[in-house]
Amino acid sequence: MKSSRWRWHLDQMFVKTNGERHYLWRAVDHEGEILESFVTKTRDKKAALKFLKKAMRKHGRPEVIVTDRLRSYGAALKEIGNADRQETGRWLNNRAENSHLLFRRRERAMLRFRRLRSLQKFAAVHASVYNLFDSGRSLYSRSNFKLNRAAALAEWRGLCMA
């Protein structure tokens, strides 16, 4: 269970499946770890509310929620009772925006998605794998980085063999 004293960055991105536009909602913590990924067909208050409830049920309530200026977030947070925790700003949400870049690279390599279900599965698995291997290179010395990377690789091989 994550600490509820953290800062969350929420964002949504457009993803096409068979020519239809869908929305991938993502919650990223202040360290860049992807907390939750959720795919919907709409980008309204109902979808934002469902995403927020799912994330808060799993990870608790954060102290600060940073969003872009999409009105759906404000309406959903107001209904939950967390409207006072929302922050919006021009560059405040870059942490969430940058988390989309790696997803887009893999999406291009896979030649897009065919079904909504495969998109949701890939988003969840991609987040888990990214969180396992992303160890904050600049935070550790070379020897510690190599040890952490080797441990992550051993865990990955253990998962693949099982």
C-alpha atoms as a PDB file:
ATOM      1  CA  MET A   1       0.000   0.000   0.000  1.00  0.00           C
ATOM      2  CA  LYS A   2       1.365   3.382  -0.994  1.00  0.00           C
ATOM      3  CA  SER A   3       1.670   6.265   1.403  1.00  0.00           C
ATOM      4  CA  SER A   4      -1.227   8.683   1.128  1.00  0.00           C
ATOM      5  CA  ARG A   5       1.083  11.641   1.776  1.00  0.00           C
ATOM      6  CA  TRP A   6       2.301  11.576  -1.800  1.00  0.00           C
ATOM      7  CA  ARG A   7       1.669  13.854  -4.730  1.00  0.00           C
ATOM      8  CA  TRP A   8      -0.171  12.295  -7.655  1.00  0.00           C
ATOM      9  CA  HIS A   9      -0.044  13.517 -11.243  1.00  0.00           C
ATOM     10  CA  LEU A  10      -3.109  12.578 -13.300  1.00  0.00           C
ATOM     11  CA  ASP A  11      -3.381  12.758 -17.054  1.00  0.00           C
ATOM     12  CA  GLN A  12      -5.185  11.172 -19.965  1.00  0.00           C
ATOM     13  CA  MET A  13      -4.009  10.492 -23.488  1.00  0.00           C
ATOM     14  CA  PHE A  14      -5.720   9.572 -26.749  1.00  0.00           C
ATOM     15  CA  VAL A  15      -5.151   6.063 -28.082  1.00  0.00           C
ATOM     16  CA  LYS A  16      -6.702   4.713 -31.266  1.00  0.00           C
ATOM     17  CA  THR A  17      -7.925   1.140 -31.542  1.00  0.00           C
ATOM     18  CA  ASN A  18      -9.262   0.137 -34.954  1.00  0.00           C
ATOM     19  CA  GLY A  19      -9.747   3.790 -35.852  1.00  0.00           C
ATOM     20  CA  GLU A  20     -11.778   4.583 -32.720  1.00  0.00           C
ATOM     21  CA  ARG A  21     -10.498   7.090 -30.189  1.00  0.00           C
ATOM     22  CA  HIS A  22     -10.182   5.857 -26.606  1.00  0.00           C
ATOM     23  CA  TYR A  23      -8.674   7.493 -23.550  1.00  0.00           C
ATOM     24  CA  LEU A  24      -5.939   6.062 -21.366  1.00  0.00           C
ATOM     25  CA  TRP A  25      -6.087   7.639 -17.895  1.00  0.00           C
ATOM     26  CA  ARG A  26      -2.895   7.434 -15.846  1.00  0.00           C
ATOM     27  CA  ALA A  27      -1.873   8.241 -12.287  1.00  0.00           C
ATOM     28  CA  VAL A  28       1.837   8.806 -11.635  1.00  0.00           C
ATOM     29  CA  ASP A  29       3.336   9.478  -8.215  1.00  0.00           C
ATOM     30  CA  HIS A  30       5.915  12.171  -7.443  1.00  0.00           C
ATOM     31  CA  GLU A  31       8.782   9.735  -8.120  1.00  0.00           C
ATOM     32  CA  GLY A  32       7.540   8.831 -11.596  1.00  0.00           C
ATOM     33  CA  GLU A  33       6.126   5.409 -10.714  1.00  0.00           C
ATOM     34  CA  ILE A  34       2.939   4.604 -12.598  1.00  0.00           C
ATOM     35  CA  LEU A  35       0.239   3.859 -10.041  1.00  0.00           C
ATOM     36  CA  GLU A  36      -2.784   3.161 -12.196  1.00  0.00           C
ATOM     37  CA  SER A  37      -3.763   2.874 -15.873  1.00  0.00           C
ATOM     38  CA  PHE A  38      -7.377   2.797 -16.989  1.00  0.00           C
ATOM     39  CA  VAL A  39      -8.957   2.817 -20.482  1.00  0.00           C
ATOM     40  CA  THR A  40     -12.350   4.381 -21.248  1.00  0.00           C
ATOM     41  CA  LYS A  41     -14.340   5.318 -24.321  1.00  0.00           C
ATOM     42  CA  THR A  42     -15.251   8.752 -22.966  1.00  0.00           C
ATOM     43  CA  ARG A  43     -13.426  11.643 -21.330  1.00  0.00           C
ATOM     44  CA  ASP A  44     -16.122  12.968 -19.036  1.00  0.00           C
ATOM     45  CA  LYS A  45     -16.871  13.284 -15.324  1.00  0.00           C
ATOM     46  CA  LYS A  46     -18.153   9.714 -15.063  1.00  0.00           C
ATOM     47  CA  ALA A  47     -14.924   8.264 -16.499  1.00  0.00           C
ATOM     48  CA  ALA A  48     -12.749  10.520 -14.306  1.00  0.00           C
ATOM     49  CA  LEU A  49     -14.748   9.550 -11.223  1.00  0.00           C
ATOM     50  CA  LYS A  50     -14.416   5.839 -11.975  1.00  0.00           C
ATOM     51  CA  PHE A  51     -10.653   6.216 -12.508  1.00  0.00           C
ATOM     52  CA  LEU A  52     -10.147   8.231  -9.319  1.00  0.00           C
ATOM     53  CA  LYS A  53     -12.176   5.827  -7.195  1.00  0.00           C
ATOM     54  CA  LYS A  54     -10.215   2.868  -8.550  1.00  0.00           C
ATOM     55  CA  ALA A  55      -6.856   4.543  -7.883  1.00  0.00           C
ATOM     56  CA  MET A  56      -7.822   5.720  -4.391  1.00  0.00           C
ATOM     57  CA  ARG A  57      -9.209   2.327  -3.431  1.00  0.00           C
ATOM     58  CA  LYS A  58      -5.895   0.743  -4.372  1.00  0.00           C
ATOM     59  CA  HIS A  59      -3.414   3.386  -3.174  1.00  0.00           C
ATOM     60  CA  GLY A  60      -5.219   5.545  -0.597  1.00  0.00           C
ATOM     61  CA  ARG A  61      -5.873   9.276  -0.801  1.00  0.00           C
ATOM     62  CA  PRO A  62      -2.955  11.503  -1.813  1.00  0.00           C
ATOM     63  CA  GLU A  63      -2.203  14.838  -0.204  1.00  0.00           C
ATOM     64  CA  VAL A  64      -2.001  16.703  -3.525  1.00  0.00           C
ATOM     65  CA  ILE A  65      -3.474  15.807  -6.915  1.00  0.00           C
ATOM     66  CA  VAL A  66      -1.871  17.600  -9.869  1.00  0.00           C
ATOM     67  CA  THR A  67      -3.973  17.631 -13.044  1.00  0.00           C
ATOM     68  CA  ASP A  68      -4.221  19.468 -16.305  1.00  0.00           C
ATOM     69  CA  ARG A  69      -7.118  21.868 -16.732  1.00  0.00           C
ATOM     70  CA  LEU A  70      -9.642  19.244 -17.861  1.00  0.00           C
ATOM     71  CA  ARG A  71     -12.923  20.090 -16.134  1.00  0.00           C
ATOM     72  CA  SER A  72     -13.794  16.421 -15.619  1.00  0.00           C
ATOM     73  CA  TYR A  73     -11.126  16.166 -12.909  1.00  0.00           C
ATOM     74  CA  GLY A  74     -12.504  19.120 -10.996  1.00  0.00           C
ATOM     75  CA  ALA A  75     -16.069  17.805 -11.150  1.00  0.00           C
ATOM     76  CA  ALA A  76     -15.020  14.305 -10.077  1.00  0.00           C
ATOM     77  CA  LEU A  77     -12.813  15.562  -7.247  1.00  0.00           C
ATOM     78  CA  LYS A  78     -15.642  17.810  -6.048  1.00  0.00           C
ATOM     79  CA  GLU A  79     -17.988  14.834  -5.892  1.00  0.00           C
ATOM     80  CA  ILE A  80     -15.437  12.759  -3.950  1.00  0.00           C
ATOM     81  CA  GLY A  81     -14.708  15.673  -1.622  1.00  0.00           C
ATOM     82  CA  ASN A  82     -11.088  16.289  -2.616  1.00  0.00           C
ATOM     83  CA  ALA A  83     -11.521  19.484  -4.629  1.00  0.00           C
ATOM     84  CA  ASP A  84      -9.236  21.384  -2.232  1.00  0.00           C
ATOM     85  CA  ARG A  85      -6.366  18.964  -2.966  1.00  0.00           C
ATOM     86  CA  GLN A  86      -6.279  19.671  -6.706  1.00  0.00           C
ATOM     87  CA  GLU A  87      -3.481  21.743  -8.239  1.00  0.00           C
ATOM     88  CA  THR A  88      -3.348  22.860 -11.848  1.00  0.00           C
ATOM     89  CA  GLY A  89      -0.643  24.796 -13.568  1.00  0.00           C
ATOM     90  CA  ARG A  90       1.103  25.246 -16.850  1.00  0.00           C
ATOM     91  CA  TRP A  91       4.071  22.935 -16.239  1.00  0.00           C
ATOM     92  CA  LEU A  92       3.062  21.231 -13.013  1.00  0.00           C
ATOM     93  CA  ASN A  93       1.869  18.088 -14.760  1.00  0.00           C
ATOM     94  CA  ASN A  94       5.018  17.366 -16.784  1.00  0.00           C
ATOM     95  CA  ARG A  95       5.699  14.232 -14.701  1.00  0.00           C
ATOM     96  CA  ALA A  96       2.534  12.598 -16.072  1.00  0.00           C
ATOM     97  CA  GLU A  97       3.032  13.944 -19.590  1.00  0.00           C
ATOM     98  CA  ASN A  98       6.550  12.490 -19.773  1.00  0.00           C
ATOM     99  CA  SER A  99       5.320   9.091 -18.597  1.00  0.00           C
ATOM    100  CA  HIS A 100       3.385   8.815 -21.873  1.00  0.00           C
ATOM    101  CA  LEU A 101       6.530   8.924 -24.014  1.00  0.00           C
ATOM    102  CA  LEU A 102       7.702   5.374 -23.321  1.00  0.00           C
ATOM    103  CA  PHE A 103       4.167   4.062 -23.810  1.00  0.00           C
ATOM    104  CA  ARG A 104       3.950   5.801 -27.199  1.00  0.00           C
ATOM    105  CA  ARG A 105       7.280   4.292 -28.280  1.00  0.00           C
ATOM    106  CA  ARG A 106       6.058   0.760 -27.485  1.00  0.00           C
ATOM    107  CA  GLU A 107       2.699   1.483 -29.128  1.00  0.00           C
ATOM    108  CA  ARG A 108       4.425   2.442 -32.386  1.00  0.00           C
ATOM    109  CA  ALA A 109       6.618  -0.650 -32.255  1.00  0.00           C
ATOM    110  CA  MET A 110       3.525  -2.833 -31.835  1.00  0.00           C
ATOM    111  CA  LEU A 111       1.796  -1.124 -34.779  1.00  0.00           C
ATOM    112  CA  ARG A 112      -1.086   0.146 -32.620  1.00  0.00           C
ATOM    113  CA  PHE A 113      -3.824  -1.843 -30.896  1.00  0.00           C
ATOM    114  CA  ARG A 114      -6.694  -3.804 -32.376  1.00  0.00           C
ATOM    115  CA  ARG A 115      -8.988  -4.197 -29.353  1.00  0.00           C
ATOM    116  CA  LEU A 116      -9.801  -2.204 -26.240  1.00  0.00           C
ATOM    117  CA  ARG A 117      -9.128  -5.221 -24.038  1.00  0.00           C
ATOM    118  CA  SER A 118      -5.608  -5.709 -25.418  1.00  0.00           C
ATOM    119  CA  LEU A 119      -4.933  -1.996 -24.861  1.00  0.00           C
ATOM    120  CA  GLN A 120      -5.966  -2.246 -21.189  1.00  0.00           C
ATOM    121  CA  LYS A 121      -3.869  -5.378 -20.640  1.00  0.00           C
ATOM    122  CA  PHE A 122      -0.828  -3.857 -22.308  1.00  0.00           C
ATOM    123  CA  ALA A 123      -1.133  -0.613 -20.325  1.00  0.00           C
ATOM    124  CA  ALA A 124      -1.262  -2.497 -17.019  1.00  0.00           C
ATOM    125  CA  VAL A 125       1.636  -4.817 -17.864  1.00  0.00           C
ATOM    126  CA  HIS A 126       3.736  -2.003 -19.333  1.00  0.00           C
ATOM    127  CA  ALA A 127       3.326   0.006 -16.131  1.00  0.00           C
ATOM    128  CA  SER A 128       4.373  -2.942 -13.958  1.00  0.00           C
ATOM    129  CA  VAL A 129       7.441  -3.722 -16.046  1.00  0.00           C
ATOM    130  CA  TYR A 130       8.433  -0.064 -16.250  1.00  0.00           C
ATOM    131  CA  ASN A 131       8.133   0.324 -12.467  1.00  0.00           C
ATOM    132  CA  LEU A 132      10.282  -2.789 -11.955  1.00  0.00           C
ATOM    133  CA  PHE A 133      13.148  -1.685 -14.197  1.00  0.00           C
ATOM    134  CA  ASP A 134      13.078   2.087 -13.622  1.00  0.00           C
ATOM    135  CA  SER A 135      15.449   2.583 -10.710  1.00  0.00           C
ATOM    136  CA  GLY A 136      16.281   6.283 -10.949  1.00  0.00           C
ATOM    137  CA  ARG A 137      19.718   6.123 -12.560  1.00  0.00           C
ATOM    138  CA  SER A 138      20.825   9.503 -11.263  1.00  0.00           C
ATOM    139  CA  LEU A 139      20.018   8.634  -7.637  1.00  0.00           C
ATOM    140  CA  TYR A 140      22.513   5.785  -7.242  1.00  0.00           C
ATOM    141  CA  SER A 141      26.196   5.164  -7.734  1.00  0.00           C
ATOM    142  CA  ARG A 142      27.168   2.918 -10.644  1.00  0.00           C
ATOM    143  CA  SER A 143      27.717  -0.124  -8.397  1.00  0.00           C
ATOM    144  CA  ASN A 144      24.339   0.264  -6.639  1.00  0.00           C
ATOM    145  CA  PHE A 145      22.602   0.830  -9.959  1.00  0.00           C
ATOM    146  CA  LYS A 146      24.080  -2.405 -11.336  1.00  0.00           C
ATOM    147  CA  LEU A 147      23.017  -4.326  -8.209  1.00  0.00           C
ATOM    148  CA  ASN A 148      19.446  -2.981  -8.428  1.00  0.00           C
ATOM    149  CA  ARG A 149      19.296  -3.700 -12.144  1.00  0.00           C
ATOM    150  CA  ALA A 150      20.557  -7.282 -11.606  1.00  0.00           C
ATOM    151  CA  ALA A 151      17.937  -7.841  -8.886  1.00  0.00           C
ATOM    152  CA  ALA A 152      15.172  -6.543 -11.184  1.00  0.00           C
ATOM    153  CA  LEU A 153      16.393  -8.773 -14.013  1.00  0.00           C
ATOM    154  CA  ALA A 154      16.498 -11.827 -11.712  1.00  0.00           C
ATOM    155  CA  GLU A 155      12.934 -11.109 -10.587  1.00  0.00           C
ATOM    156  CA  TRP A 156      11.834 -10.690 -14.209  1.00  0.00           C
ATOM    157  CA  ARG A 157      13.429 -14.009 -15.213  1.00  0.00           C
ATOM    158  CA  GLY A 158      11.754 -15.672 -12.227  1.00  0.00           C
ATOM    159  CA  LEU A 159       8.378 -14.339 -13.387  1.00  0.00           C
ATOM    160  CA  CYS A 160       8.977 -15.463 -16.978  1.00  0.00           C
ATOM    161  CA  MET A 161       9.957 -18.994 -15.942  1.00  0.00           C
ATOM    162  CA  ALA A 162       6.950 -19.454 -13.669  1.00  0.00           C
END
